[in-house]
Amino acid sequence: MTSLNQRLGRLFTPPATRRPDLHRTDREESKRMAKERGIEIEKLRDGGWNVWPPKDLDDKDDPFHGDHYCGGWAEVFVMVRTYWGRV
């Protein structure tokens, strides 16, 4: 009877609850804005992202010249929003 209860318990346990995606809004808005203005978001293999400005933005006008790395989606969103205002 015990093994039957264990099997039924495994069968009828509720699925694990999904954790909320805390970065969804930043990620979706960043991707939408980047696509619209030609800003490139490059995912790095070891983690993080590089955000590259649009082709028509000069290096002297690039506020992030030399440092395009972002560690999270909140940083990506800030960088994309900054480039958005300069194009």
C-alpha atoms as a PDB file:
ATOM      1  CA  MET A   1       0.000   0.000   0.000  1.00  0.00           C
ATOM      2  CA  THR A   2       2.881   2.350   0.778  1.00  0.00           C
ATOM      3  CA  SER A   3       4.435   2.046  -2.679  1.00  0.00           C
ATOM      4  CA  LEU A   4       1.013   2.683  -4.245  1.00  0.00           C
ATOM      5  CA  ASN A   5       0.639   5.858  -2.170  1.00  0.00           C
ATOM      6  CA  GLN A   6       4.117   7.007  -3.185  1.00  0.00           C
ATOM      7  CA  ARG A   7       3.394   6.450  -6.874  1.00  0.00           C
ATOM      8  CA  LEU A   8       0.032   8.195  -6.668  1.00  0.00           C
ATOM      9  CA  GLY A   9       1.644  11.033  -4.736  1.00  0.00           C
ATOM     10  CA  ARG A  10       4.198  11.563  -7.514  1.00  0.00           C
ATOM     11  CA  LEU A  11       1.473  11.381 -10.127  1.00  0.00           C
ATOM     12  CA  PHE A  12      -0.856  13.882  -8.517  1.00  0.00           C
ATOM     13  CA  THR A  13       1.560  16.462  -7.130  1.00  0.00           C
ATOM     14  CA  PRO A  14       0.972  19.942  -8.499  1.00  0.00           C
ATOM     15  CA  PRO A  15       3.597  21.352 -10.837  1.00  0.00           C
ATOM     16  CA  ALA A  16       6.198  23.654  -9.382  1.00  0.00           C
ATOM     17  CA  THR A  17       5.155  27.277  -9.382  1.00  0.00           C
ATOM     18  CA  ARG A  18       6.797  29.457 -12.004  1.00  0.00           C
ATOM     19  CA  ARG A  19       8.843  32.316 -10.742  1.00  0.00           C
ATOM     20  CA  PRO A  20       7.828  35.666 -12.203  1.00  0.00           C
ATOM     21  CA  ASP A  21      10.020  37.059 -14.969  1.00  0.00           C
ATOM     22  CA  LEU A  22      11.273  40.250 -13.352  1.00  0.00           C
ATOM     23  CA  HIS A  23      13.127  41.428 -16.471  1.00  0.00           C
ATOM     24  CA  ARG A  24      10.380  40.876 -19.026  1.00  0.00           C
ATOM     25  CA  THR A  25       9.376  44.526 -19.442  1.00  0.00           C
ATOM     26  CA  ASP A  26      12.964  45.757 -19.779  1.00  0.00           C
ATOM     27  CA  ARG A  27      13.815  42.958 -22.224  1.00  0.00           C
ATOM     28  CA  GLU A  28      10.770  43.407 -24.461  1.00  0.00           C
ATOM     29  CA  GLU A  29      11.010  47.218 -24.548  1.00  0.00           C
ATOM     30  CA  SER A  30      14.754  47.105 -25.234  1.00  0.00           C
ATOM     31  CA  LYS A  31      14.322  44.705 -28.132  1.00  0.00           C
ATOM     32  CA  ARG A  32      11.430  46.685 -29.613  1.00  0.00           C
ATOM     33  CA  MET A  33      13.250  50.014 -29.383  1.00  0.00           C
ATOM     34  CA  ALA A  34      16.514  48.565 -30.696  1.00  0.00           C
ATOM     35  CA  LYS A  35      14.827  47.019 -33.713  1.00  0.00           C
ATOM     36  CA  GLU A  36      13.061  50.253 -34.581  1.00  0.00           C
ATOM     37  CA  ARG A  37      16.215  52.421 -34.477  1.00  0.00           C
ATOM     38  CA  GLY A  38      18.900  49.985 -35.665  1.00  0.00           C
ATOM     39  CA  ILE A  39      20.559  49.466 -32.279  1.00  0.00           C
ATOM     40  CA  GLU A  40      22.248  46.077 -31.893  1.00  0.00           C
ATOM     41  CA  ILE A  41      21.955  44.018 -28.697  1.00  0.00           C
ATOM     42  CA  GLU A  42      24.626  41.317 -28.764  1.00  0.00           C
ATOM     43  CA  LYS A  43      24.346  38.444 -26.277  1.00  0.00           C
ATOM     44  CA  LEU A  44      27.750  37.335 -25.051  1.00  0.00           C
ATOM     45  CA  ARG A  45      28.607  33.669 -24.624  1.00  0.00           C
ATOM     46  CA  ASP A  46      29.902  34.056 -21.053  1.00  0.00           C
ATOM     47  CA  GLY A  47      26.943  36.187 -19.956  1.00  0.00           C
ATOM     48  CA  GLY A  48      25.977  39.799 -20.352  1.00  0.00           C
ATOM     49  CA  TRP A  49      25.343  41.869 -23.451  1.00  0.00           C
ATOM     50  CA  ASN A  50      27.036  44.447 -25.637  1.00  0.00           C
ATOM     51  CA  VAL A  51      24.791  47.215 -26.918  1.00  0.00           C
ATOM     52  CA  TRP A  52      26.047  48.805 -30.131  1.00  0.00           C
ATOM     53  CA  PRO A  53      24.831  52.176 -31.373  1.00  0.00           C
ATOM     54  CA  PRO A  54      23.104  52.710 -34.713  1.00  0.00           C
ATOM     55  CA  LYS A  55      25.427  52.869 -37.726  1.00  0.00           C
ATOM     56  CA  ASP A  56      24.731  56.566 -38.328  1.00  0.00           C
ATOM     57  CA  LEU A  57      25.876  57.659 -34.836  1.00  0.00           C
ATOM     58  CA  ASP A  58      29.474  58.954 -34.819  1.00  0.00           C
ATOM     59  CA  ASP A  59      31.984  57.715 -32.246  1.00  0.00           C
ATOM     60  CA  LYS A  60      32.322  61.230 -30.830  1.00  0.00           C
ATOM     61  CA  ASP A  61      28.553  61.317 -30.198  1.00  0.00           C
ATOM     62  CA  ASP A  62      28.525  57.870 -28.559  1.00  0.00           C
ATOM     63  CA  PRO A  63      28.043  58.367 -24.785  1.00  0.00           C
ATOM     64  CA  PHE A  64      29.208  54.782 -24.149  1.00  0.00           C
ATOM     65  CA  HIS A  65      32.243  54.838 -26.484  1.00  0.00           C
ATOM     66  CA  GLY A  66      34.644  52.132 -25.314  1.00  0.00           C
ATOM     67  CA  ASP A  67      32.243  50.542 -22.820  1.00  0.00           C
ATOM     68  CA  HIS A  68      29.257  48.825 -24.423  1.00  0.00           C
ATOM     69  CA  TYR A  69      28.944  45.985 -21.877  1.00  0.00           C
ATOM     70  CA  CYS A  70      25.775  45.480 -19.823  1.00  0.00           C
ATOM     71  CA  GLY A  71      25.361  42.937 -17.052  1.00  0.00           C
ATOM     72  CA  GLY A  72      21.560  42.845 -16.961  1.00  0.00           C
ATOM     73  CA  TRP A  73      18.423  43.851 -18.830  1.00  0.00           C
ATOM     74  CA  ALA A  74      17.940  46.981 -16.736  1.00  0.00           C
ATOM     75  CA  GLU A  75      21.331  48.246 -17.947  1.00  0.00           C
ATOM     76  CA  VAL A  76      20.517  47.253 -21.531  1.00  0.00           C
ATOM     77  CA  PHE A  77      17.277  49.227 -21.314  1.00  0.00           C
ATOM     78  CA  VAL A  78      19.055  52.346 -20.047  1.00  0.00           C
ATOM     79  CA  MET A  79      21.655  52.144 -22.807  1.00  0.00           C
ATOM     80  CA  VAL A  80      19.082  51.553 -25.564  1.00  0.00           C
ATOM     81  CA  ARG A  81      16.952  54.416 -24.248  1.00  0.00           C
ATOM     82  CA  THR A  82      20.015  56.694 -24.271  1.00  0.00           C
ATOM     83  CA  TYR A  83      20.827  55.770 -27.878  1.00  0.00           C
ATOM     84  CA  TRP A  84      17.132  56.170 -28.749  1.00  0.00           C
ATOM     85  CA  GLY A  85      17.261  59.827 -27.731  1.00  0.00           C
ATOM     86  CA  ARG A  86      20.388  60.501 -29.784  1.00  0.00           C
ATOM     87  CA  VAL A  87      19.182  59.164 -33.119  1.00  0.00           C
END
